[in-house]
C-alpha atoms as a PDB file:
ATOM      1  CA  UNK A   1      -8.491  -4.853  17.977  1.00  0.00           C
ATOM      2  CA  UNK A   2     -10.783  -7.286  19.776  1.00  0.00           C
ATOM      3  CA  UNK A   3     -13.238  -9.136  17.560  1.00  0.00           C
ATOM      4  CA  UNK A   4     -14.579 -11.746  19.953  1.00  0.00           C
ATOM      5  CA  UNK A   5     -17.931 -10.007  20.225  1.00  0.00           C
ATOM      6  CA  UNK A   6     -18.453  -9.564  16.490  1.00  0.00           C
ATOM      7  CA  UNK A   7     -20.820 -11.813  14.591  1.00  0.00           C
ATOM      8  CA  UNK A   8     -19.147 -14.192  12.155  1.00  0.00           C
ATOM      9  CA  UNK A   9     -20.469 -12.439   9.065  1.00  0.00           C
ATOM     10  CA  UNK A  10     -19.376  -9.025  10.173  1.00  0.00           C
ATOM     11  CA  UNK A  11     -16.041 -10.300  11.539  1.00  0.00           C
ATOM     12  CA  UNK A  12     -14.917 -11.105   8.016  1.00  0.00           C
ATOM     13  CA  UNK A  13     -16.423  -7.945   6.594  1.00  0.00           C
ATOM     14  CA  UNK A  14     -14.820  -5.702   9.185  1.00  0.00           C
ATOM     15  CA  UNK A  15     -11.439  -7.380   8.944  1.00  0.00           C
ATOM     16  CA  UNK A  16     -11.408  -6.956   5.201  1.00  0.00           C
ATOM     17  CA  UNK A  17     -12.420  -3.331   5.583  1.00  0.00           C
ATOM     18  CA  UNK A  18      -9.606  -2.797   8.066  1.00  0.00           C
ATOM     19  CA  UNK A  19      -7.124  -4.296   5.650  1.00  0.00           C
ATOM     20  CA  UNK A  20      -6.165  -7.144   7.983  1.00  0.00           C
ATOM     21  CA  UNK A  21      -4.618 -10.044   6.050  1.00  0.00           C
ATOM     22  CA  UNK A  22      -6.917 -13.047   5.752  1.00  0.00           C
ATOM     23  CA  UNK A  23      -6.620 -16.256   3.792  1.00  0.00           C
ATOM     24  CA  UNK A  24      -9.646 -15.261   1.705  1.00  0.00           C
ATOM     25  CA  UNK A  25      -8.286 -11.846   0.798  1.00  0.00           C
ATOM     26  CA  UNK A  26      -4.793 -13.184   0.104  1.00  0.00           C
ATOM     27  CA  UNK A  27      -5.930 -16.030  -2.130  1.00  0.00           C
ATOM     28  CA  UNK A  28      -8.537 -14.023  -4.031  1.00  0.00           C
ATOM     29  CA  UNK A  29      -7.200 -10.959  -5.788  1.00  0.00           C
ATOM     30  CA  UNK A  30      -9.733  -8.187  -6.241  1.00  0.00           C
ATOM     31  CA  UNK A  31      -8.962  -4.799  -7.681  1.00  0.00           C
ATOM     32  CA  UNK A  32     -10.467  -1.831  -9.464  1.00  0.00           C
ATOM     33  CA  UNK A  33      -9.498  -2.860 -13.002  1.00  0.00           C
ATOM     34  CA  UNK A  34      -8.841  -5.940 -15.141  1.00  0.00           C
ATOM     35  CA  UNK A  35     -10.095  -9.401 -14.200  1.00  0.00           C
ATOM     36  CA  UNK A  36     -10.448  -8.414 -10.545  1.00  0.00           C
ATOM     37  CA  UNK A  37     -12.532  -5.315 -11.329  1.00  0.00           C
ATOM     38  CA  UNK A  38     -15.788  -4.480  -9.493  1.00  0.00           C
ATOM     39  CA  UNK A  39     -17.984  -5.981 -12.235  1.00  0.00           C
ATOM     40  CA  UNK A  40     -16.352  -9.347 -11.489  1.00  0.00           C
ATOM     41  CA  UNK A  41     -16.165  -9.245  -7.692  1.00  0.00           C
ATOM     42  CA  UNK A  42     -19.169 -11.500  -7.220  1.00  0.00           C
ATOM     43  CA  UNK A  43     -17.537 -14.188  -9.382  1.00  0.00           C
ATOM     44  CA  UNK A  44     -14.120 -14.182  -7.710  1.00  0.00           C
ATOM     45  CA  UNK A  45     -15.143 -16.119  -4.589  1.00  0.00           C
ATOM     46  CA  UNK A  46     -18.356 -17.566  -3.160  1.00  0.00           C
ATOM     47  CA  UNK A  47     -17.811 -15.316  -0.122  1.00  0.00           C
ATOM     48  CA  UNK A  48     -18.196 -12.315  -2.444  1.00  0.00           C
ATOM     49  CA  UNK A  49     -21.561 -13.332  -3.923  1.00  0.00           C
ATOM     50  CA  UNK A  50     -23.334 -10.368  -2.305  1.00  0.00           C
ATOM     51  CA  UNK A  51     -21.295  -8.041  -4.532  1.00  0.00           C
ATOM     52  CA  UNK A  52     -23.372  -9.216  -7.491  1.00  0.00           C
ATOM     53  CA  UNK A  53     -26.532 -10.531  -5.805  1.00  0.00           C
ATOM     54  CA  UNK A  54     -27.151  -7.893  -3.139  1.00  0.00           C
ATOM     55  CA  UNK A  55     -30.016  -5.425  -3.484  1.00  0.00           C
ATOM     56  CA  UNK A  56     -28.790  -2.772  -1.017  1.00  0.00           C
ATOM     57  CA  UNK A  57     -25.302  -2.188  -2.353  1.00  0.00           C
ATOM     58  CA  UNK A  58     -23.083   0.868  -1.942  1.00  0.00           C
ATOM     59  CA  UNK A  59     -22.116   3.361  -3.226  1.00  0.00           C
ATOM     60  CA  UNK A  60     -25.162   5.114  -4.677  1.00  0.00           C
ATOM     61  CA  UNK A  61     -26.181   8.419  -6.190  1.00  0.00           C
ATOM     62  CA  UNK A  62     -27.957  10.224  -3.371  1.00  0.00           C
ATOM     63  CA  UNK A  63     -31.034  11.912  -4.845  1.00  0.00           C
ATOM     64  CA  UNK A  64     -34.842  11.967  -4.560  1.00  0.00           C
ATOM     65  CA  UNK A  65     -34.563  12.550  -0.827  1.00  0.00           C
ATOM     66  CA  UNK A  66     -37.259  11.709   1.708  1.00  0.00           C
ATOM     67  CA  UNK A  67     -37.788  14.474   4.264  1.00  0.00           C
ATOM     68  CA  UNK A  68     -37.309  13.001   7.738  1.00  0.00           C
ATOM     69  CA  UNK A  69     -36.624  14.084  11.291  1.00  0.00           C
ATOM     70  CA  UNK A  70     -33.158  12.617  11.582  1.00  0.00           C
ATOM     71  CA  UNK A  71     -31.775  12.583  15.091  1.00  0.00           C
ATOM     72  CA  UNK A  72     -28.587  14.491  15.831  1.00  0.00           C
ATOM     73  CA  UNK A  73     -25.618  12.118  15.962  1.00  0.00           C
ATOM     74  CA  UNK A  74     -23.280  12.609  18.955  1.00  0.00           C
ATOM     75  CA  UNK A  75     -19.656  12.444  17.782  1.00  0.00           C
ATOM     76  CA  UNK A  76     -17.576  11.461  20.786  1.00  0.00           C
ATOM     77  CA  UNK A  77     -14.135  11.362  19.185  1.00  0.00           C
ATOM     78  CA  UNK A  78     -11.394  11.334  21.809  1.00  0.00           C
ATOM     79  CA  UNK A  79      -8.884   8.563  21.115  1.00  0.00           C
ATOM     80  CA  UNK A  80      -5.673   8.965  19.162  1.00  0.00           C
ATOM     81  CA  UNK A  81      -4.797   7.234  15.931  1.00  0.00           C
ATOM     82  CA  UNK A  82      -2.133   4.534  16.070  1.00  0.00           C
ATOM     83  CA  UNK A  83      -0.904   4.114  12.497  1.00  0.00           C
ATOM     84  CA  UNK A  84      -1.391   4.964   8.854  1.00  0.00           C
ATOM     85  CA  UNK A  85      -1.126   2.132   6.345  1.00  0.00           C
ATOM     86  CA  UNK A  86      -1.225   1.507   2.625  1.00  0.00           C
ATOM     87  CA  UNK A  87      -2.998  -1.791   1.926  1.00  0.00           C
ATOM     88  CA  UNK A  88      -2.861  -1.471  -1.855  1.00  0.00           C
ATOM     89  CA  UNK A  89      -6.562  -0.618  -2.071  1.00  0.00           C
ATOM     90  CA  UNK A  90      -6.546   2.578  -0.005  1.00  0.00           C
ATOM     91  CA  UNK A  91      -4.678   4.576   2.626  1.00  0.00           C
ATOM     92  CA  UNK A  92      -6.110   3.987   6.067  1.00  0.00           C
ATOM     93  CA  UNK A  93      -5.711   5.448   9.563  1.00  0.00           C
ATOM     94  CA  UNK A  94      -6.389   3.084  12.487  1.00  0.00           C
ATOM     95  CA  UNK A  95      -7.537   4.274  15.918  1.00  0.00           C
ATOM     96  CA  UNK A  96      -7.257   3.239  19.540  1.00  0.00           C
ATOM     97  CA  UNK A  97     -10.443   2.409  21.414  1.00  0.00           C
ATOM     98  CA  UNK A  98     -12.318   5.304  22.939  1.00  0.00           C
ATOM     99  CA  UNK A  99     -13.983   7.217  20.090  1.00  0.00           C
ATOM    100  CA  UNK A 100     -17.591   6.616  19.118  1.00  0.00           C
ATOM    101  CA  UNK A 101     -20.863   7.815  17.651  1.00  0.00           C
ATOM    102  CA  UNK A 102     -24.408   6.873  18.642  1.00  0.00           C
ATOM    103  CA  UNK A 103     -26.983   5.891  16.018  1.00  0.00           C
ATOM    104  CA  UNK A 104     -30.423   4.393  16.713  1.00  0.00           C
ATOM    105  CA  UNK A 105     -29.507   4.235  20.404  1.00  0.00           C
ATOM    106  CA  UNK A 106     -26.496   2.033  19.610  1.00  0.00           C
ATOM    107  CA  UNK A 107     -22.888   2.938  20.376  1.00  0.00           C
ATOM    108  CA  UNK A 108     -20.532   2.467  17.433  1.00  0.00           C
ATOM    109  CA  UNK A 109     -16.791   2.545  18.089  1.00  0.00           C
ATOM    110  CA  UNK A 110     -14.549   4.293  15.553  1.00  0.00           C
ATOM    111  CA  UNK A 111     -12.108   1.741  14.148  1.00  0.00           C
ATOM    112  CA  UNK A 112     -10.532   3.553  11.210  1.00  0.00           C
ATOM    113  CA  UNK A 113     -10.993   5.950   8.350  1.00  0.00           C
ATOM    114  CA  UNK A 114      -9.783   5.639   4.780  1.00  0.00           C
ATOM    115  CA  UNK A 115     -10.086   7.403   1.425  1.00  0.00           C
ATOM    116  CA  UNK A 116     -11.450   6.929  -2.083  1.00  0.00           C
ATOM    117  CA  UNK A 117     -10.659   8.962  -5.189  1.00  0.00           C
ATOM    118  CA  UNK A 118     -12.809  10.004  -6.895  1.00  0.00           C
ATOM    119  CA  UNK A 119     -15.711   9.790  -4.442  1.00  0.00           C
ATOM    120  CA  UNK A 120     -17.722   6.590  -4.373  1.00  0.00           C
ATOM    121  CA  UNK A 121     -21.081   8.099  -3.460  1.00  0.00           C
ATOM    122  CA  UNK A 122     -22.471  10.907  -5.605  1.00  0.00           C
ATOM    123  CA  UNK A 123     -24.865  13.609  -4.425  1.00  0.00           C
ATOM    124  CA  UNK A 124     -27.471  14.660  -6.978  1.00  0.00           C
ATOM    125  CA  UNK A 125     -25.219  13.279  -9.686  1.00  0.00           C
ATOM    126  CA  UNK A 126     -22.125  15.143  -8.493  1.00  0.00           C
ATOM    127  CA  UNK A 127     -18.863  13.280  -7.959  1.00  0.00           C
ATOM    128  CA  UNK A 128     -16.193  14.679  -5.640  1.00  0.00           C
ATOM    129  CA  UNK A 129     -12.391  14.392  -5.932  1.00  0.00           C
ATOM    130  CA  UNK A 130     -12.058  12.583  -2.592  1.00  0.00           C
ATOM    131  CA  UNK A 131     -14.290  10.834  -0.054  1.00  0.00           C
ATOM    132  CA  UNK A 132     -13.353   9.725   3.464  1.00  0.00           C
ATOM    133  CA  UNK A 133     -15.094   6.815   5.172  1.00  0.00           C
ATOM    134  CA  UNK A 134     -15.095   6.720   8.978  1.00  0.00           C
ATOM    135  CA  UNK A 135     -15.818   3.078   9.837  1.00  0.00           C
ATOM    136  CA  UNK A 136     -17.518   2.252  13.147  1.00  0.00           C
ATOM    137  CA  UNK A 137     -18.558  -1.051  14.711  1.00  0.00           C
ATOM    138  CA  UNK A 138     -20.930  -1.851  17.571  1.00  0.00           C
ATOM    139  CA  UNK A 139     -20.172  -4.492  20.188  1.00  0.00           C
ATOM    140  CA  UNK A 140     -22.467  -6.850  18.256  1.00  0.00           C
ATOM    141  CA  UNK A 141     -20.652  -6.327  14.968  1.00  0.00           C
ATOM    142  CA  UNK A 142     -23.058  -3.920  13.304  1.00  0.00           C
ATOM    143  CA  UNK A 143     -21.391  -1.310  11.122  1.00  0.00           C
ATOM    144  CA  UNK A 144     -21.938   2.411  10.609  1.00  0.00           C
ATOM    145  CA  UNK A 145     -19.973   4.455   8.079  1.00  0.00           C
ATOM    146  CA  UNK A 146     -19.772   8.255   8.107  1.00  0.00           C
ATOM    147  CA  UNK A 147     -18.833   9.665   4.695  1.00  0.00           C
ATOM    148  CA  UNK A 148     -17.173  13.059   4.242  1.00  0.00           C
ATOM    149  CA  UNK A 149     -16.806  14.639   0.796  1.00  0.00           C
ATOM    150  CA  UNK A 150     -13.849  16.793  -0.258  1.00  0.00           C
ATOM    151  CA  UNK A 151     -14.163  19.536  -2.857  1.00  0.00           C
ATOM    152  CA  UNK A 152     -11.192  21.018  -4.692  1.00  0.00           C
ATOM    153  CA  UNK A 153     -10.070  24.225  -3.033  1.00  0.00           C
ATOM    154  CA  UNK A 154      -7.670  25.221  -0.281  1.00  0.00           C
ATOM    155  CA  UNK A 155      -5.073  22.765   0.977  1.00  0.00           C
ATOM    156  CA  UNK A 156      -6.420  20.668   3.830  1.00  0.00           C
ATOM    157  CA  UNK A 157      -4.103  21.041   6.829  1.00  0.00           C
ATOM    158  CA  UNK A 158      -5.174  17.804   8.530  1.00  0.00           C
ATOM    159  CA  UNK A 159      -4.823  15.900   5.282  1.00  0.00           C
ATOM    160  CA  UNK A 160      -1.346  17.401   4.877  1.00  0.00           C
ATOM    161  CA  UNK A 161      -0.295  15.827   8.185  1.00  0.00           C
ATOM    162  CA  UNK A 162      -1.510  12.438   6.993  1.00  0.00           C
ATOM    163  CA  UNK A 163       0.061  12.727   3.561  1.00  0.00           C
ATOM    164  CA  UNK A 164       3.436  13.558   5.163  1.00  0.00           C
ATOM    165  CA  UNK A 165       3.272  10.151   6.865  1.00  0.00           C
ATOM    166  CA  UNK A 166       1.601   8.259   4.007  1.00  0.00           C
ATOM    167  CA  UNK A 167       3.342   4.974   3.126  1.00  0.00           C
ATOM    168  CA  UNK A 168       4.408   5.018  -0.506  1.00  0.00           C
ATOM    169  CA  UNK A 169       4.193   1.253  -1.090  1.00  0.00           C
ATOM    170  CA  UNK A 170       1.430  -1.315  -0.560  1.00  0.00           C
ATOM    171  CA  UNK A 171       1.923  -3.268   2.653  1.00  0.00           C
ATOM    172  CA  UNK A 172       3.791  -0.495   4.416  1.00  0.00           C
ATOM    173  CA  UNK A 173       2.614   1.306   7.535  1.00  0.00           C
ATOM    174  CA  UNK A 174       3.920   4.109   9.709  1.00  0.00           C
ATOM    175  CA  UNK A 175       3.187   5.143  13.266  1.00  0.00           C
ATOM    176  CA  UNK A 176       0.808   8.074  13.388  1.00  0.00           C
ATOM    177  CA  UNK A 177      -0.429   9.960  16.445  1.00  0.00           C
ATOM    178  CA  UNK A 178      -3.403  12.072  15.418  1.00  0.00           C
ATOM    179  CA  UNK A 179      -4.962  13.471  18.600  1.00  0.00           C
ATOM    180  CA  UNK A 180      -8.485  12.732  17.349  1.00  0.00           C
ATOM    181  CA  UNK A 181     -10.562  12.796  14.171  1.00  0.00           C
ATOM    182  CA  UNK A 182     -12.803  15.691  15.181  1.00  0.00           C
ATOM    183  CA  UNK A 183     -10.747  18.322  13.353  1.00  0.00           C
ATOM    184  CA  UNK A 184     -11.472  16.553  10.080  1.00  0.00           C
ATOM    185  CA  UNK A 185     -15.218  16.941  10.447  1.00  0.00           C
ATOM    186  CA  UNK A 186     -17.276  20.057   9.693  1.00  0.00           C
ATOM    187  CA  UNK A 187     -18.938  21.851  12.604  1.00  0.00           C
ATOM    188  CA  UNK A 188     -22.341  21.394  10.991  1.00  0.00           C
ATOM    189  CA  UNK A 189     -23.122  17.696  10.865  1.00  0.00           C
ATOM    190  CA  UNK A 190     -26.435  17.557   9.022  1.00  0.00           C
ATOM    191  CA  UNK A 191     -26.541  14.386   7.009  1.00  0.00           C
ATOM    192  CA  UNK A 192     -28.225  12.065   4.551  1.00  0.00           C
ATOM    193  CA  UNK A 193     -28.910   8.500   5.598  1.00  0.00           C
ATOM    194  CA  UNK A 194     -29.519   5.222   3.798  1.00  0.00           C
ATOM    195  CA  UNK A 195     -29.083   1.490   4.244  1.00  0.00           C
ATOM    196  CA  UNK A 196     -26.193   0.069   2.246  1.00  0.00           C
ATOM    197  CA  UNK A 197     -23.168  -2.189   2.171  1.00  0.00           C
ATOM    198  CA  UNK A 198     -19.410  -2.260   2.308  1.00  0.00           C
ATOM    199  CA  UNK A 199     -17.990  -0.871  -0.943  1.00  0.00           C
ATOM    200  CA  UNK A 200     -15.308  -3.561  -1.146  1.00  0.00           C
ATOM    201  CA  UNK A 201     -15.559  -7.377  -1.116  1.00  0.00           C
ATOM    202  CA  UNK A 202     -17.394  -9.121   0.466  1.00  0.00           C
ATOM    203  CA  UNK A 203     -19.864  -6.206  -0.003  1.00  0.00           C
ATOM    204  CA  UNK A 204     -21.706  -7.129   3.200  1.00  0.00           C
ATOM    205  CA  UNK A 205     -25.089  -5.409   3.536  1.00  0.00           C
ATOM    206  CA  UNK A 206     -26.820  -3.977   6.598  1.00  0.00           C
ATOM    207  CA  UNK A 207     -24.389  -1.051   6.930  1.00  0.00           C
ATOM    208  CA  UNK A 208     -25.788   2.226   8.243  1.00  0.00           C
ATOM    209  CA  UNK A 209     -24.570   4.989   5.920  1.00  0.00           C
ATOM    210  CA  UNK A 210     -24.375   8.579   7.145  1.00  0.00           C
ATOM    211  CA  UNK A 211     -23.251  11.032   4.440  1.00  0.00           C
ATOM    212  CA  UNK A 212     -22.438  14.486   5.773  1.00  0.00           C
ATOM    213  CA  UNK A 213     -23.995  17.339   3.809  1.00  0.00           C
ATOM    214  CA  UNK A 214     -21.225  19.784   4.613  1.00  0.00           C
ATOM    215  CA  UNK A 215     -18.029  19.262   2.611  1.00  0.00           C
ATOM    216  CA  UNK A 216     -14.410  20.145   3.271  1.00  0.00           C
ATOM    217  CA  UNK A 217     -11.614  20.976   0.847  1.00  0.00           C
ATOM    218  CA  UNK A 218      -8.360  19.583  -0.464  1.00  0.00           C
ATOM    219  CA  UNK A 219      -5.972  21.007  -3.014  1.00  0.00           C
ATOM    220  CA  UNK A 220      -5.573  19.540  -6.483  1.00  0.00           C
ATOM    221  CA  UNK A 221      -1.980  18.674  -5.536  1.00  0.00           C
ATOM    222  CA  UNK A 222      -3.196  16.673  -2.505  1.00  0.00           C
ATOM    223  CA  UNK A 223      -5.547  14.634  -4.682  1.00  0.00           C
ATOM    224  CA  UNK A 224      -2.793  14.009  -7.216  1.00  0.00           C
ATOM    225  CA  UNK A 225      -0.386  12.801  -4.510  1.00  0.00           C
ATOM    226  CA  UNK A 226      -2.934  10.277  -3.233  1.00  0.00           C
ATOM    227  CA  UNK A 227      -3.688   9.039  -6.748  1.00  0.00           C
ATOM    228  CA  UNK A 228       0.010   8.739  -7.553  1.00  0.00           C
ATOM    229  CA  UNK A 229       0.700   6.686  -4.410  1.00  0.00           C
ATOM    230  CA  UNK A 230      -2.152   4.251  -5.126  1.00  0.00           C
ATOM    231  CA  UNK A 231      -1.442   4.185  -8.841  1.00  0.00           C
ATOM    232  CA  UNK A 232      -5.147   3.938  -9.697  1.00  0.00           C
ATOM    233  CA  UNK A 233      -8.593   5.267  -8.860  1.00  0.00           C
ATOM    234  CA  UNK A 234     -10.208   3.296  -6.020  1.00  0.00           C
ATOM    235  CA  UNK A 235     -13.920   3.988  -6.316  1.00  0.00           C
ATOM    236  CA  UNK A 236     -16.525   1.287  -6.845  1.00  0.00           C
ATOM    237  CA  UNK A 237     -19.064   2.291  -9.528  1.00  0.00           C
ATOM    238  CA  UNK A 238     -22.490   3.599  -8.494  1.00  0.00           C
ATOM    239  CA  UNK A 239     -24.948   0.813  -7.585  1.00  0.00           C
ATOM    240  CA  UNK A 240     -28.717   0.681  -8.073  1.00  0.00           C
ATOM    241  CA  UNK A 241     -30.754   2.350  -5.347  1.00  0.00           C
ATOM    242  CA  UNK A 242     -33.663  -0.055  -5.914  1.00  0.00           C
ATOM    243  CA  UNK A 243     -36.460   0.450  -3.348  1.00  0.00           C
ATOM    244  CA  UNK A 244     -34.315   2.201  -0.746  1.00  0.00           C
ATOM    245  CA  UNK A 245     -35.220   5.522   0.810  1.00  0.00           C
ATOM    246  CA  UNK A 246     -32.581   8.213   1.189  1.00  0.00           C
ATOM    247  CA  UNK A 247     -33.492  10.294   4.219  1.00  0.00           C
ATOM    248  CA  UNK A 248     -32.481  13.870   4.918  1.00  0.00           C
END
């Protein structure tokens, strides 16, 4: 992945999101429990100060919506995935160049998607068993994340393909050729929108969040497999909304 056009701040943020090893992430251990738990992220490293000092942090409880005329988002997903990896914090699928969305007249390239259990964002106080984050970056390093919620129900066939290739140990990765990510998404793509941050250190703000209203399903067994592989829940607690508007 080429990062020469990314701004310095977002270079670090995006690399950490993609699970790429960095000196900062290797020397500073963050986690979802114990001394490295979310409540302590801002104290672990000066680079993580936004985790505790930021005012537009993610995830949030989406409620008290502001009625808006949100533009339809073109999903131009064409490229194939390259690999599925377990970075110890999540299971992630990386993509070749060639898939994108357009938000605010800006093209955002799909870099990867990954999962959180239970969901990080809530909708009207409701938590979901699984949430997928599709991470996109513009040529200038701006980020846009599309969130998809999973409800317990029928087995998810696309998820089954991923789970069959899922690395069982942190640091492992396997080749994965998923034709494109479109099959994962619902046909109806109405969404909520808010301004937020990365949900992992360094918790960089200025991220465009698009949360799809339509959900998909996964079986209880599929959620349990993911949780067993990680060995722990990987959701950051809900953050304060503060003065932000949540558009729908």
